[in-house]
Amino acid sequence: MEIVELSLRSSNSFVNDLMEYKMKDETYFDYDIHSEDYVQRRAVDIKNRSFQRNELSSYLKKYTNQYLSGHHRTLENIEKLKNPDSVVVIGGQQAGLLTGPLYTIHKIISIIVLAREQEEKLGVPVIPVFWIAGEDHDFAEINHIFINKNSMPKKHVIKDSSFKKQSVSELPLNHKKAIEWIEQIFEVYGETDFSNQLIQQLVSNVKESETYVQFFEKVIMNLFHDEGLVLINSGDPELRKLEKKCFRLILEKNQSIYNAVVEQQKEMRNRDYSPIIEMAKNSANLFYHHQGERFLIERDKNGEFFVPDLNLSLSYAKLIDIIETNPEKLSNNVVTRPLMQEFLFPTLAFIAGPGEVTYWAELRKTFSLMDMEMPPVMPRLQITLLERSIDRNMGETGVSLENLLLSGIEDAMKTYLDAVTPIDIEKIVNQAKEEISEIHSRLVKAAVKVDPSLDPMLQKNGAFIQDHLDFLLKSVEKRKKQQHYVQLKKYKSIEISLAPNQQPQERVWNIYYYLNRFGPNFVRDLLNLSYSFNEKHKIVKL
């Protein structure tokens, strides 16, 4: 493996301006990640705050021993959390099947790489932590991966169902359906020397898991078993006991938090940025759990709390009582989750995807309300995996990797077909359509003088003639593609690998395609490459 770096602009204008020094960082963030001393400043600021280090370490140790036994380096890192000098690099994602899209793997690699780098620089324990959004209830977002079916990305969904608003961490894993689903995926991938080992490991993970989150955790820890990665399931009811104080603060400052987000979003719109967070009017930015489902809490005109979906009123006093006696009945939403994360962990840096960079910027004022600095928000590594056969096809077709990732393959394919075609049939057909349309219009004009009622039929006749010319053009284009099938197949192979559905590779494909091709150590080898957080896109040649 080797890395080639490209300077590619993001489709996110906010991220582009941040990386190109076109904005005042302090408007959106507490730390300028471009400054040389931001890490040292952050480490000092963390020491001036207090955390539930012993309690958090005890909780994580118990959770890890219960669900992820045998990961000694992880347990060592959990113990290090008690050290008042220790800090964490943290990021998170939903519990996708087989880890979900590649960007989950890229995010974890980013967390581990930055933690290693900063531990060496600071000389204190820097612990990699991955926050699993286990309380999320949109099962449709994680119940599938994409597979390559007939040179097209096809969503392969597990045939399971859930309650509409049931948290994924509480959703039972159907072992039989999960194993069948895994076997179907590897049938599409094709058998290699590594397939049986991978399938057996995944089947074992399924049988050891009661929920989808547990399955996700076991798969992740298999892939990163020697890295000391610490997992935290935000949907675990036991975690709520450590979150009580933060819940009380969120409740106490509830209206102010809502107003702060609205105000920050207004400032962003005034600077032509598009906020991501969508809040219901007077949202309390907390969920209430009832009979296995979760529902958004809102405030009425009098400042009282209620759950519209349940027609349930909850007074301030009642919510305080819930926090003290049954905190598992509450959970955070997109606004309050970052606050809770910062409350729990001494965060040296938060690893964010492009969208997360924007939405954390919308929370700048809410962190201040909670008397906390927002941790440095570091964009994760952007990685594209380039297989040797695809690299060879790019060389033979002359496709530029930069142009492909920015604009797709269609222009390159059209340029090739134009170059190998002796005549521009599209130009001739378009010219013929114009001339025939003009002749036909004169004929219609003459005909309606004989009988005006002929006009509708003759207009349809004109459209019919135009359709026949379109059919002629399509027939010729189809034959052109048939004549040059071998070469065009190379273009399509490039597209399906690197820009499927005109999307970045990392948003579509799954890591197990590459594990099946290159072996169980593929992620370890990928992790141990030399990365730099220099805002450039990493092309990893396999």
Protein backbone atom coordinates (compact mmCIF):
# COMPACT_ATOMS: atom_id res chain seq x y z
CA MET A 1 0.00 0.00 0.00
CA GLU A 2 1.07 3.57 -0.63
CA ILE A 3 -0.60 6.95 -0.22
CA VAL A 4 -0.94 9.63 -2.88
CA GLU A 5 -2.41 12.96 -1.78
CA LEU A 6 -4.74 15.20 -3.76
CA SER A 7 -5.99 18.69 -3.03
CA LEU A 8 -9.74 18.39 -3.52
CA ARG A 9 -12.37 20.92 -2.56
CA SER A 10 -15.30 19.66 -0.55
CA SER A 11 -18.89 19.91 -1.73
CA ASN A 12 -19.48 21.59 1.65
CA SER A 13 -18.79 25.33 1.28
CA PHE A 14 -18.46 25.82 5.04
CA VAL A 15 -15.71 23.19 5.26
CA ASN A 16 -13.95 24.70 2.23
CA ASP A 17 -13.90 28.16 3.80
CA LEU A 18 -12.69 26.74 7.10
CA MET A 19 -9.83 24.86 5.47
CA GLU A 20 -8.92 27.75 3.18
CA TYR A 21 -8.77 30.29 6.04
CA LYS A 22 -11.70 32.29 4.66
CA MET A 23 -13.61 32.66 7.92
CA LYS A 24 -13.07 33.81 11.47
CA ASP A 25 -12.82 30.52 13.34
CA GLU A 26 -13.75 32.09 16.66
CA THR A 27 -17.25 32.80 15.32
CA TYR A 28 -17.86 29.06 15.16
CA PHE A 29 -15.20 27.31 17.24
CA ASP A 30 -13.22 27.83 20.44
CA TYR A 31 -9.96 26.56 18.96
CA ASP A 32 -8.22 27.29 15.68
CA ILE A 33 -7.03 23.90 14.45
CA HIS A 34 -4.62 25.67 12.08
CA SER A 35 -2.64 27.20 14.95
CA GLU A 36 0.46 25.37 16.14
CA ASP A 37 -0.43 25.41 19.83
CA TYR A 38 -4.13 24.54 19.84
CA VAL A 39 -3.51 21.07 21.28
CA GLN A 40 -1.37 22.40 24.13
CA ARG A 41 -3.97 25.10 24.88
CA ARG A 42 -6.72 22.53 24.90
CA ALA A 43 -4.79 20.23 27.24
CA VAL A 44 -4.34 23.09 29.71
CA ASP A 45 -8.03 24.01 29.53
CA ILE A 46 -9.02 20.41 30.25
CA LYS A 47 -6.89 20.39 33.43
CA ASN A 48 -8.94 23.34 34.70
CA ARG A 49 -12.12 21.27 34.55
CA SER A 50 -13.28 18.33 36.63
CA PHE A 51 -14.60 15.04 35.24
CA GLN A 52 -16.11 11.89 36.72
CA ARG A 53 -12.95 10.03 35.81
CA ASN A 54 -13.17 7.19 38.34
CA GLU A 55 -16.87 6.67 37.77
CA LEU A 56 -16.50 6.76 33.97
CA SER A 57 -13.56 4.36 34.06
CA SER A 58 -15.46 1.94 36.30
CA TYR A 59 -18.51 2.07 34.06
CA LEU A 60 -16.52 1.51 30.84
CA LYS A 61 -14.55 -1.34 32.42
CA LYS A 62 -17.75 -3.08 33.49
CA TYR A 63 -19.35 -2.57 30.05
CA THR A 64 -16.25 -3.81 28.20
CA ASN A 65 -15.88 -6.88 30.40
CA GLN A 66 -19.55 -7.69 29.95
CA TYR A 67 -19.82 -7.31 26.18
CA LEU A 68 -16.27 -7.12 24.78
CA SER A 69 -14.16 -9.38 26.98
CA GLY A 70 -10.58 -10.13 26.07
CA HIS A 71 -9.49 -6.73 24.79
CA HIS A 72 -6.67 -6.06 27.23
CA ARG A 73 -5.29 -2.91 25.62
CA THR A 74 -8.76 -1.37 25.70
CA LEU A 75 -9.03 -2.16 29.42
CA GLU A 76 -5.60 -0.62 29.97
CA ASN A 77 -6.73 2.57 28.24
CA ILE A 78 -9.92 2.64 30.31
CA GLU A 79 -7.79 2.46 33.45
CA LYS A 80 -5.69 5.38 32.15
CA LEU A 81 -8.82 7.56 32.17
CA LYS A 82 -8.34 7.83 35.94
CA ASN A 83 -5.07 9.68 35.33
CA PRO A 84 -5.87 13.41 35.72
CA ASP A 85 -3.51 14.18 32.81
CA SER A 86 -5.15 11.78 30.38
CA VAL A 87 -7.29 13.02 27.48
CA VAL A 88 -9.26 11.43 24.65
CA VAL A 89 -9.66 11.80 20.91
CA ILE A 90 -13.26 10.95 20.16
CA GLY A 91 -15.66 10.58 17.25
CA GLY A 92 -18.79 8.62 16.60
CA GLN A 93 -21.28 7.09 14.23
CA GLN A 94 -24.39 4.93 14.11
CA ALA A 95 -24.07 1.16 14.51
CA GLY A 96 -24.10 0.20 10.83
CA LEU A 97 -24.24 -3.42 9.69
CA LEU A 98 -20.73 -4.81 9.10
CA THR A 99 -19.61 -1.29 10.21
CA GLY A 100 -21.71 0.45 7.52
CA PRO A 101 -20.09 2.62 4.80
CA LEU A 102 -16.32 2.99 4.60
CA TYR A 103 -16.37 6.41 6.24
CA THR A 104 -16.97 4.73 9.63
CA ILE A 105 -13.66 2.90 9.24
CA HIS A 106 -11.98 6.11 8.05
CA LYS A 107 -13.29 7.93 11.11
CA ILE A 108 -11.93 5.30 13.50
CA ILE A 109 -8.57 5.34 11.72
CA SER A 110 -8.54 9.12 12.11
CA ILE A 111 -9.26 8.82 15.84
CA ILE A 112 -6.50 6.29 16.42
CA VAL A 113 -3.93 8.09 14.25
CA LEU A 114 -4.53 11.47 15.91
CA ALA A 115 -4.46 9.89 19.39
CA ARG A 116 -1.10 8.25 18.63
CA GLU A 117 0.29 11.48 17.22
CA GLN A 118 -0.81 13.65 20.13
CA GLU A 119 0.26 11.18 22.82
CA GLU A 120 3.78 11.33 21.45
CA LYS A 121 3.63 15.13 21.24
CA LEU A 122 2.12 15.81 24.69
CA GLY A 123 3.67 12.97 26.67
CA VAL A 124 0.37 12.12 28.38
CA PRO A 125 -2.11 9.27 27.77
CA VAL A 126 -4.31 10.06 24.74
CA ILE A 127 -7.07 7.49 24.48
CA PRO A 128 -8.99 6.73 21.25
CA VAL A 129 -12.76 6.62 21.91
CA PHE A 130 -15.58 5.77 19.53
CA TRP A 131 -19.07 6.96 20.49
CA ILE A 132 -21.80 4.68 19.15
CA ALA A 133 -25.13 6.44 18.65
CA GLY A 134 -27.01 3.49 20.08
CA GLU A 135 -30.08 5.48 21.06
CA ASP A 136 -30.85 6.40 17.43
CA HIS A 137 -34.09 4.84 16.25
CA ASP A 138 -33.92 5.11 12.45
CA PHE A 139 -33.24 1.45 11.66
CA ALA A 140 -33.63 2.10 7.92
CA GLU A 141 -30.39 4.10 7.98
CA ILE A 142 -28.30 1.14 9.15
CA ASN A 143 -30.16 -2.02 8.04
CA HIS A 144 -28.21 -2.50 4.80
CA ILE A 145 -24.97 -2.26 2.92
CA PHE A 146 -24.43 -1.74 -0.81
CA ILE A 147 -23.16 -4.53 -3.04
CA ASN A 148 -22.06 -4.48 -6.68
CA LYS A 149 -24.82 -6.16 -8.67
CA ASN A 150 -24.41 -6.09 -12.47
CA SER A 151 -22.04 -3.11 -12.22
CA MET A 152 -24.56 -1.12 -10.20
CA PRO A 153 -24.62 -0.39 -6.46
CA LYS A 154 -27.57 -2.24 -5.00
CA LYS A 155 -28.83 -1.87 -1.45
CA HIS A 156 -28.84 -5.24 0.32
CA VAL A 157 -31.24 -4.96 3.27
CA ILE A 158 -31.50 -7.40 6.14
CA LYS A 159 -35.01 -8.80 6.29
CA ASP A 160 -35.81 -7.63 9.79
CA SER A 161 -38.11 -4.98 11.19
CA SER A 162 -38.34 -2.73 14.22
CA PHE A 163 -40.76 -0.55 16.04
CA LYS A 164 -40.93 2.86 14.44
CA LYS A 165 -39.01 4.64 17.19
CA GLN A 166 -37.22 1.82 18.98
CA SER A 167 -33.59 2.55 19.84
CA VAL A 168 -31.14 0.39 17.91
CA SER A 169 -29.37 -0.54 21.17
CA GLU A 170 -32.62 -2.22 22.27
CA LEU A 171 -33.40 -3.85 18.92
CA PRO A 172 -32.91 -7.64 19.13
CA LEU A 173 -30.63 -9.17 16.51
CA ASN A 174 -32.32 -11.98 14.57
CA HIS A 175 -29.49 -14.51 14.37
CA LYS A 176 -30.94 -16.61 11.56
CA LYS A 177 -31.71 -13.65 9.31
CA ALA A 178 -28.36 -12.00 10.05
CA ILE A 179 -26.39 -15.12 9.12
CA GLU A 180 -28.39 -15.61 5.90
CA TRP A 181 -27.80 -11.95 5.04
CA ILE A 182 -24.03 -12.29 5.59
CA GLU A 183 -23.82 -15.42 3.43
CA GLN A 184 -25.72 -13.67 0.61
CA ILE A 185 -23.25 -10.79 0.67
CA PHE A 186 -20.22 -13.07 0.38
CA GLU A 187 -21.86 -14.91 -2.51
CA VAL A 188 -21.88 -11.59 -4.38
CA TYR A 189 -18.32 -10.76 -3.30
CA GLY A 190 -17.12 -14.11 -4.63
CA GLU A 191 -15.13 -16.79 -2.83
CA THR A 192 -11.50 -16.06 -2.03
CA ASP A 193 -8.89 -17.63 0.25
CA PHE A 194 -10.21 -15.38 3.04
CA SER A 195 -13.98 -15.79 2.68
CA ASN A 196 -14.53 -18.76 5.00
CA GLN A 197 -12.49 -17.24 7.81
CA LEU A 198 -14.34 -13.92 7.55
CA ILE A 199 -17.76 -15.59 7.42
CA GLN A 200 -16.96 -17.80 10.41
CA GLN A 201 -15.82 -14.79 12.43
CA LEU A 202 -18.95 -12.81 11.57
CA VAL A 203 -21.24 -15.76 12.32
CA SER A 204 -19.51 -16.10 15.69
CA ASN A 205 -20.06 -12.38 16.32
CA VAL A 206 -23.74 -12.74 15.46
CA LYS A 207 -24.22 -15.67 17.85
CA GLU A 208 -22.49 -13.75 20.66
CA SER A 209 -24.68 -10.64 20.18
CA GLU A 210 -28.15 -9.94 21.46
CA THR A 211 -28.64 -6.59 19.70
CA TYR A 212 -27.51 -4.81 16.54
CA VAL A 213 -25.28 -2.51 18.60
CA GLN A 214 -23.50 -5.47 20.22
CA PHE A 215 -22.94 -7.00 16.78
CA PHE A 216 -21.47 -3.71 15.57
CA GLU A 217 -19.21 -3.50 18.63
CA LYS A 218 -17.83 -7.00 18.17
CA VAL A 219 -17.11 -6.43 14.47
CA ILE A 220 -15.33 -3.14 15.21
CA MET A 221 -13.23 -4.66 17.98
CA ASN A 222 -12.24 -7.56 15.71
CA LEU A 223 -10.96 -5.11 13.13
CA PHE A 224 -9.13 -2.89 15.66
CA HIS A 225 -8.40 -5.46 18.38
CA ASP A 226 -4.82 -4.36 19.14
CA GLU A 227 -5.39 -0.60 19.17
CA GLY A 228 -6.87 -0.02 22.63
CA LEU A 229 -9.96 1.53 21.09
CA VAL A 230 -12.61 2.31 23.71
CA LEU A 231 -16.26 1.97 22.67
CA ILE A 232 -19.12 3.73 24.38
CA ASN A 233 -22.75 2.92 23.59
CA SER A 234 -24.73 6.09 24.19
CA GLY A 235 -27.92 4.02 24.27
CA ASP A 236 -26.88 1.99 27.34
CA PRO A 237 -29.29 2.73 30.24
CA GLU A 238 -26.47 2.35 32.79
CA LEU A 239 -24.63 5.30 31.23
CA ARG A 240 -27.51 7.60 32.19
CA LYS A 241 -26.43 7.47 35.84
CA LEU A 242 -23.30 9.40 34.88
CA GLU A 243 -25.29 11.87 32.82
CA LYS A 244 -27.66 13.17 35.51
CA LYS A 245 -25.88 16.45 36.18
CA CYS A 246 -25.70 17.32 32.50
CA PHE A 247 -29.38 16.46 32.01
CA ARG A 248 -30.26 18.84 34.84
CA LEU A 249 -28.21 21.63 33.24
CA ILE A 250 -29.83 21.00 29.87
CA LEU A 251 -33.25 21.19 31.51
CA GLU A 252 -32.36 24.29 33.50
CA LYS A 253 -31.07 26.13 30.42
CA ASN A 254 -33.46 24.55 27.97
CA GLN A 255 -34.97 27.66 26.41
CA SER A 256 -31.57 29.36 26.24
CA ILE A 257 -30.05 26.35 24.45
CA TYR A 258 -32.82 26.43 21.86
CA ASN A 259 -32.40 30.20 21.37
CA ALA A 260 -28.62 29.88 21.11
CA VAL A 261 -28.88 27.39 18.26
CA VAL A 262 -31.42 29.54 16.43
CA GLU A 263 -29.22 32.63 16.86
CA GLN A 264 -26.08 30.84 15.65
CA GLN A 265 -27.93 29.44 12.63
CA LYS A 266 -29.14 32.94 11.78
CA GLU A 267 -25.58 34.25 11.83
CA MET A 268 -24.49 31.40 9.55
CA ARG A 269 -27.27 32.09 7.06
CA ASN A 270 -26.26 35.76 7.04
CA ARG A 271 -22.84 34.56 5.86
CA ASP A 272 -24.44 32.36 3.16
CA TYR A 273 -23.82 29.07 4.97
CA SER A 274 -26.52 26.41 5.21
CA PRO A 275 -27.14 25.04 8.72
CA ILE A 276 -27.83 21.32 9.04
CA ILE A 277 -29.68 21.00 12.34
CA GLU A 278 -33.47 21.00 12.05
CA MET A 279 -35.30 21.71 15.30
CA ALA A 280 -39.02 21.48 15.88
CA LYS A 281 -40.41 24.75 17.14
CA ASN A 282 -39.65 24.98 20.87
CA SER A 283 -37.88 21.63 20.86
CA ALA A 284 -36.45 20.68 24.24
CA ASN A 285 -33.69 18.78 22.39
CA LEU A 286 -34.29 15.71 24.57
CA PHE A 287 -36.11 12.44 23.98
CA TYR A 288 -38.48 10.69 26.35
CA HIS A 289 -38.49 6.88 26.35
CA HIS A 290 -41.81 5.08 26.70
CA GLN A 291 -42.59 1.39 26.20
CA GLY A 292 -39.48 0.71 24.13
CA GLU A 293 -39.79 3.78 21.89
CA ARG A 294 -38.47 7.32 22.17
CA PHE A 295 -40.30 10.56 21.51
CA LEU A 296 -39.16 14.17 21.21
CA ILE A 297 -39.95 16.47 24.14
CA GLU A 298 -41.15 20.01 23.38
CA ARG A 299 -42.05 23.14 25.35
CA ASP A 300 -45.43 24.84 25.20
CA LYS A 301 -46.12 28.60 25.24
CA ASN A 302 -45.91 28.66 29.02
CA GLY A 303 -42.53 26.96 29.10
CA GLU A 304 -43.95 23.65 30.30
CA PHE A 305 -42.76 20.41 28.76
CA PHE A 306 -44.85 17.92 26.83
CA VAL A 307 -44.54 14.96 24.44
CA PRO A 308 -46.87 15.63 21.46
CA ASP A 309 -46.82 12.03 20.19
CA LEU A 310 -48.06 10.74 23.54
CA ASN A 311 -50.22 13.72 24.51
CA LEU A 312 -48.19 13.69 27.73
CA SER A 313 -47.43 16.73 29.92
CA LEU A 314 -44.20 16.73 31.90
CA SER A 315 -43.63 19.50 34.42
CA TYR A 316 -40.13 20.75 35.20
CA ALA A 317 -40.38 19.09 38.62
CA LYS A 318 -41.46 15.81 37.04
CA LEU A 319 -38.52 15.83 34.64
CA ILE A 320 -36.12 16.55 37.51
CA ASP A 321 -37.60 13.57 39.33
CA ILE A 322 -37.13 11.39 36.23
CA ILE A 323 -33.49 12.50 35.98
CA GLU A 324 -32.87 11.55 39.61
CA THR A 325 -34.79 8.26 39.71
CA ASN A 326 -35.08 6.98 36.13
CA PRO A 327 -32.52 8.79 33.94
CA GLU A 328 -32.73 5.95 31.39
CA LYS A 329 -36.10 7.44 30.36
CA LEU A 330 -34.24 10.36 28.73
CA SER A 331 -31.73 10.62 25.90
CA ASN A 332 -30.07 13.33 23.86
CA ASN A 333 -30.71 14.55 20.35
CA VAL A 334 -28.34 16.05 17.79
CA VAL A 335 -28.06 19.32 19.77
CA THR A 336 -27.46 17.95 23.26
CA ARG A 337 -25.40 14.85 22.39
CA PRO A 338 -22.19 16.88 21.81
CA LEU A 339 -22.79 18.64 25.13
CA MET A 340 -23.15 15.32 26.94
CA GLN A 341 -20.06 13.94 25.23
CA GLU A 342 -18.03 16.92 26.35
CA PHE A 343 -19.46 16.66 29.87
CA LEU A 344 -18.34 13.02 30.18
CA PHE A 345 -14.94 13.01 28.48
CA PRO A 346 -11.78 15.12 28.71
CA THR A 347 -11.79 15.63 24.96
CA LEU A 348 -8.55 16.73 23.35
CA ALA A 349 -10.14 16.70 19.88
CA PHE A 350 -13.37 15.64 18.23
CA ILE A 351 -13.02 13.87 14.87
CA ALA A 352 -15.79 15.02 12.51
CA GLY A 353 -17.11 14.26 9.06
CA PRO A 354 -17.81 17.22 6.74
CA GLY A 355 -21.44 17.48 7.81
CA GLU A 356 -20.51 17.24 11.49
CA VAL A 357 -18.06 20.12 11.14
CA THR A 358 -20.95 22.30 10.03
CA TYR A 359 -23.43 21.17 12.65
CA TRP A 360 -20.95 21.52 15.51
CA ALA A 361 -20.35 25.09 14.35
CA GLU A 362 -24.08 25.65 14.94
CA LEU A 363 -23.54 24.75 18.61
CA ARG A 364 -20.83 27.29 19.44
CA LYS A 365 -23.11 29.36 21.67
CA THR A 366 -24.63 26.32 23.42
CA PHE A 367 -21.23 25.22 24.71
CA SER A 368 -20.71 28.67 26.20
CA LEU A 369 -24.10 28.43 27.92
CA MET A 370 -22.96 25.21 29.58
CA ASP A 371 -19.72 26.87 30.72
CA MET A 372 -17.65 24.61 28.45
CA GLU A 373 -15.33 25.24 25.55
CA MET A 374 -16.15 23.33 22.41
CA PRO A 375 -13.30 20.87 21.84
CA PRO A 376 -11.16 21.32 18.73
CA VAL A 377 -13.17 19.98 15.78
CA MET A 378 -10.80 18.10 13.48
CA PRO A 379 -12.06 16.97 10.05
CA ARG A 380 -11.49 13.25 9.65
CA LEU A 381 -9.17 11.80 7.04
CA GLN A 382 -10.72 11.63 3.56
CA ILE A 383 -9.65 8.34 1.98
CA THR A 384 -10.25 6.63 -1.36
CA LEU A 385 -9.09 3.05 -1.89
CA LEU A 386 -7.61 2.46 -5.35
CA GLU A 387 -7.30 -1.16 -6.48
CA ARG A 388 -4.50 -2.07 -8.88
CA SER A 389 -6.86 -3.14 -11.68
CA ILE A 390 -8.76 0.15 -11.41
CA ASP A 391 -5.50 2.10 -11.41
CA ARG A 392 -4.47 0.22 -14.57
CA ASN A 393 -7.79 1.00 -16.25
CA MET A 394 -7.33 4.67 -15.39
CA GLY A 395 -3.93 4.62 -17.04
CA GLU A 396 -5.32 2.97 -20.17
CA THR A 397 -8.31 5.33 -20.45
CA GLY A 398 -6.47 8.49 -19.43
CA VAL A 399 -9.08 9.26 -16.75
CA SER A 400 -7.83 11.79 -14.21
CA LEU A 401 -8.43 10.74 -10.63
CA GLU A 402 -8.97 14.35 -9.59
CA ASN A 403 -11.53 15.00 -12.33
CA LEU A 404 -13.28 11.72 -11.58
CA LEU A 405 -13.69 12.49 -7.87
CA LEU A 406 -14.88 16.01 -8.59
CA SER A 407 -17.03 15.53 -11.70
CA GLY A 408 -17.67 11.83 -12.30
CA ILE A 409 -16.98 9.72 -15.37
CA GLU A 410 -19.62 10.77 -17.91
CA ASP A 411 -17.61 13.58 -19.53
CA ALA A 412 -14.59 11.30 -19.96
CA MET A 413 -16.73 8.58 -21.57
CA LYS A 414 -18.34 11.08 -23.94
CA THR A 415 -14.95 12.48 -24.92
CA TYR A 416 -13.72 8.97 -25.69
CA LEU A 417 -16.79 8.08 -27.80
CA ASP A 418 -16.57 11.37 -29.69
CA ALA A 419 -12.92 10.68 -30.45
CA VAL A 420 -13.54 7.18 -31.84
CA THR A 421 -16.70 8.04 -33.79
CA PRO A 422 -16.14 9.25 -37.41
CA ILE A 423 -19.21 11.48 -37.38
CA ASP A 424 -21.14 13.55 -34.85
CA ILE A 425 -24.51 11.89 -35.25
CA GLU A 426 -26.06 13.89 -32.40
CA LYS A 427 -25.27 17.16 -34.17
CA ILE A 428 -26.76 15.85 -37.44
CA VAL A 429 -29.92 14.57 -35.73
CA ASN A 430 -30.43 17.85 -33.84
CA GLN A 431 -30.00 19.80 -37.07
CA ALA A 432 -32.47 17.49 -38.82
CA LYS A 433 -34.97 17.94 -35.97
CA GLU A 434 -34.82 21.71 -36.36
CA GLU A 435 -35.23 21.57 -40.16
CA ILE A 436 -38.05 19.02 -40.02
CA SER A 437 -39.77 20.99 -37.27
CA GLU A 438 -39.67 24.09 -39.46
CA ILE A 439 -41.04 22.20 -42.50
CA HIS A 440 -43.69 20.52 -40.39
CA SER A 441 -44.81 23.85 -38.94
CA ARG A 442 -45.37 25.20 -42.46
CA LEU A 443 -47.36 22.08 -43.36
CA VAL A 444 -49.52 22.40 -40.25
CA LYS A 445 -50.11 26.07 -40.92
CA ALA A 446 -51.34 25.21 -44.41
CA ALA A 447 -53.45 22.25 -43.27
CA VAL A 448 -55.37 24.15 -40.58
CA LYS A 449 -56.49 26.63 -43.22
CA VAL A 450 -58.37 23.71 -44.75
CA ASP A 451 -59.69 22.45 -41.39
CA PRO A 452 -58.69 24.05 -38.04
CA SER A 453 -59.78 20.92 -36.15
CA LEU A 454 -56.78 19.08 -37.63
CA ASP A 455 -54.37 21.09 -35.47
CA PRO A 456 -54.24 18.82 -32.36
CA MET A 457 -53.70 15.69 -34.45
CA LEU A 458 -51.00 17.33 -36.56
CA GLN A 459 -49.18 18.60 -33.45
CA LYS A 460 -49.09 15.01 -32.18
CA ASN A 461 -47.80 13.98 -35.62
CA GLY A 462 -44.95 16.49 -35.25
CA ALA A 463 -44.05 15.13 -31.82
CA PHE A 464 -44.19 11.60 -33.27
CA ILE A 465 -41.66 12.53 -35.96
CA GLN A 466 -39.36 14.08 -33.34
CA ASP A 467 -39.62 10.90 -31.24
CA HIS A 468 -38.57 8.82 -34.23
CA LEU A 469 -35.48 10.99 -34.68
CA ASP A 470 -34.68 10.54 -30.97
CA PHE A 471 -35.07 6.78 -31.50
CA LEU A 472 -32.62 6.96 -34.40
CA LEU A 473 -30.09 8.80 -32.23
CA LYS A 474 -30.49 6.33 -29.36
CA SER A 475 -30.08 3.39 -31.73
CA VAL A 476 -26.83 4.78 -33.10
CA GLU A 477 -25.55 5.62 -29.60
CA LYS A 478 -26.37 2.11 -28.44
CA ARG A 479 -24.50 0.60 -31.38
CA LYS A 480 -21.51 2.86 -30.67
CA LYS A 481 -21.38 1.55 -27.12
CA GLN A 482 -21.64 -2.04 -28.34
CA GLN A 483 -18.76 -1.51 -30.77
CA HIS A 484 -16.54 -0.08 -28.01
CA TYR A 485 -17.83 -2.28 -25.16
CA VAL A 486 -14.39 -3.47 -23.98
CA GLN A 487 -13.03 0.03 -23.53
CA LEU A 488 -16.25 1.44 -22.06
CA LYS A 489 -16.28 -1.39 -19.54
CA LYS A 490 -13.01 -0.01 -18.19
CA TYR A 491 -14.64 3.39 -17.68
CA LYS A 492 -17.57 1.78 -15.88
CA SER A 493 -15.27 -0.26 -13.65
CA ILE A 494 -13.53 2.97 -12.61
CA GLU A 495 -16.84 4.63 -11.87
CA ILE A 496 -18.33 1.74 -9.90
CA SER A 497 -15.21 1.45 -7.74
CA LEU A 498 -14.40 5.10 -7.08
CA ALA A 499 -17.57 7.11 -7.67
CA PRO A 500 -20.58 4.75 -7.43
CA ASN A 501 -23.90 6.48 -8.06
CA GLN A 502 -21.85 9.68 -8.50
CA GLN A 503 -21.06 9.59 -4.80
CA PRO A 504 -17.73 9.27 -2.97
CA GLN A 505 -16.65 5.66 -2.62
CA GLU A 506 -16.62 5.96 1.18
CA ARG A 507 -20.35 6.74 1.30
CA VAL A 508 -21.37 3.57 -0.56
CA TRP A 509 -19.02 0.60 -0.25
CA ASN A 510 -18.33 -1.53 2.81
CA ILE A 511 -14.97 -2.60 4.26
CA TYR A 512 -15.77 -6.32 3.94
CA TYR A 513 -15.45 -6.21 0.16
CA TYR A 514 -11.79 -5.28 0.66
CA LEU A 515 -11.28 -7.71 3.55
CA ASN A 516 -12.57 -10.49 1.30
CA ARG A 517 -10.13 -9.52 -1.45
CA PHE A 518 -7.04 -8.59 0.54
CA GLY A 519 -7.38 -10.53 3.80
CA PRO A 520 -8.33 -10.06 7.48
CA ASN A 521 -5.27 -7.85 8.13
CA PHE A 522 -6.36 -5.27 5.57
CA VAL A 523 -7.64 -2.76 8.15
CA ARG A 524 -4.50 -3.14 10.26
CA ASP A 525 -2.33 -2.48 7.20
CA LEU A 526 -4.49 0.50 6.28
CA LEU A 527 -4.23 1.90 9.80
CA ASN A 528 -0.44 1.63 9.89
CA LEU A 529 0.18 3.80 6.84
CA SER A 530 1.68 7.23 7.38
CA TYR A 531 -1.13 9.81 7.51
CA SER A 532 -1.02 13.56 7.87
CA PHE A 533 -3.91 15.80 8.91
CA ASN A 534 -3.05 18.31 6.21
CA GLU A 535 -6.57 18.58 4.70
CA LYS A 536 -5.57 16.66 1.57
CA HIS A 537 -7.50 13.68 0.18
CA LYS A 538 -5.65 10.38 0.64
CA ILE A 539 -5.57 7.95 -2.28
CA VAL A 540 -4.45 4.58 -0.97
CA LYS A 541 -3.08 2.42 -3.77
CA LEU A 542 -3.67 -1.25 -2.98
